[in-house]
Amino acid sequence: MEQEQSKNIIKNTSITFRLPNTIKEDIYDVADKEMLKVSDIARRGVIQYVRSLQQKHSNKRSDVWSV
């Protein structure tokens, strides 16, 4: 049972990137209005974008392997 629980542990890491100051200000403004953390907005945006790219590329893969 202890082994099963250890499989469900999520390990987080940090990723940093550069962006224009104007975008940074926009993110802070929206985060304040939505009562969110800037990292929440960044995380959600990255997850959404990565999932859309994964879907795009998984569709291409299925076409390549069609007979």
Protein backbone atom coordinates (compact mmCIF):
# COMPACT_ATOMS: atom_id res chain seq x y z
CA MET A 1 0.00 0.00 0.00
CA GLU A 2 2.82 2.40 0.77
CA GLN A 3 4.28 1.83 -2.70
CA GLU A 4 0.94 2.74 -4.34
CA GLN A 5 0.83 6.07 -2.50
CA SER A 6 4.38 6.96 -3.52
CA LYS A 7 3.43 6.57 -7.20
CA ASN A 8 0.87 9.38 -6.85
CA ILE A 9 3.31 11.97 -5.50
CA ILE A 10 3.58 14.97 -7.82
CA LYS A 11 7.02 16.51 -8.04
CA ASN A 12 7.17 20.13 -9.14
CA THR A 13 10.00 22.05 -10.71
CA SER A 14 10.57 25.67 -11.68
CA ILE A 15 10.78 27.00 -15.22
CA THR A 16 11.72 30.60 -15.88
CA PHE A 17 11.36 32.64 -19.04
CA ARG A 18 11.73 36.20 -20.20
CA LEU A 19 8.91 38.38 -21.43
CA PRO A 20 8.31 42.10 -22.06
CA ASN A 21 7.64 44.26 -19.01
CA THR A 22 4.27 45.30 -20.44
CA ILE A 23 3.09 41.68 -20.47
CA LYS A 24 4.39 41.19 -16.93
CA GLU A 25 2.38 44.22 -15.80
CA ASP A 26 -0.72 42.86 -17.56
CA ILE A 27 -0.33 39.50 -15.83
CA TYR A 28 0.04 41.11 -12.40
CA ASP A 29 -2.99 43.31 -13.06
CA VAL A 30 -5.18 40.39 -14.13
CA ALA A 31 -3.91 38.23 -11.26
CA ASP A 32 -4.86 40.94 -8.77
CA LYS A 33 -8.35 41.35 -10.27
CA GLU A 34 -8.93 37.59 -10.34
CA MET A 35 -7.40 37.08 -6.88
CA LEU A 36 -4.89 34.62 -8.33
CA LYS A 37 -1.15 34.29 -8.14
CA VAL A 38 0.89 35.14 -11.21
CA SER A 39 2.23 31.59 -11.16
CA ASP A 40 -1.35 30.25 -11.36
CA ILE A 41 -1.98 32.20 -14.55
CA ALA A 42 1.35 31.17 -16.07
CA ARG A 43 0.86 27.52 -15.11
CA ARG A 44 -2.66 27.36 -16.54
CA GLY A 45 -1.57 29.04 -19.76
CA VAL A 46 1.37 26.71 -20.25
CA ILE A 47 -0.71 23.61 -19.50
CA GLN A 48 -3.41 24.71 -21.96
CA TYR A 49 -0.87 25.45 -24.69
CA VAL A 50 1.06 22.21 -24.22
CA ARG A 51 -2.15 20.16 -24.31
CA SER A 52 -3.25 21.83 -27.53
CA LEU A 53 0.14 21.10 -29.11
CA GLN A 54 0.02 17.49 -27.89
CA GLN A 55 -3.41 17.10 -29.45
CA LYS A 56 -2.20 18.66 -32.69
CA HIS A 57 0.77 16.33 -32.90
CA SER A 58 -1.10 13.22 -31.80
CA ASN A 59 -3.58 13.81 -34.65
CA LYS A 60 -0.70 14.00 -37.11
CA ARG A 61 0.80 10.78 -35.80
CA SER A 62 -2.41 8.86 -36.27
CA ASP A 63 -2.60 10.04 -39.89
CA VAL A 64 0.96 8.92 -40.59
CA TRP A 65 0.32 5.39 -39.34
CA SER A 66 -2.98 4.90 -41.13
CA VAL A 67 -3.05 2.13 -43.68
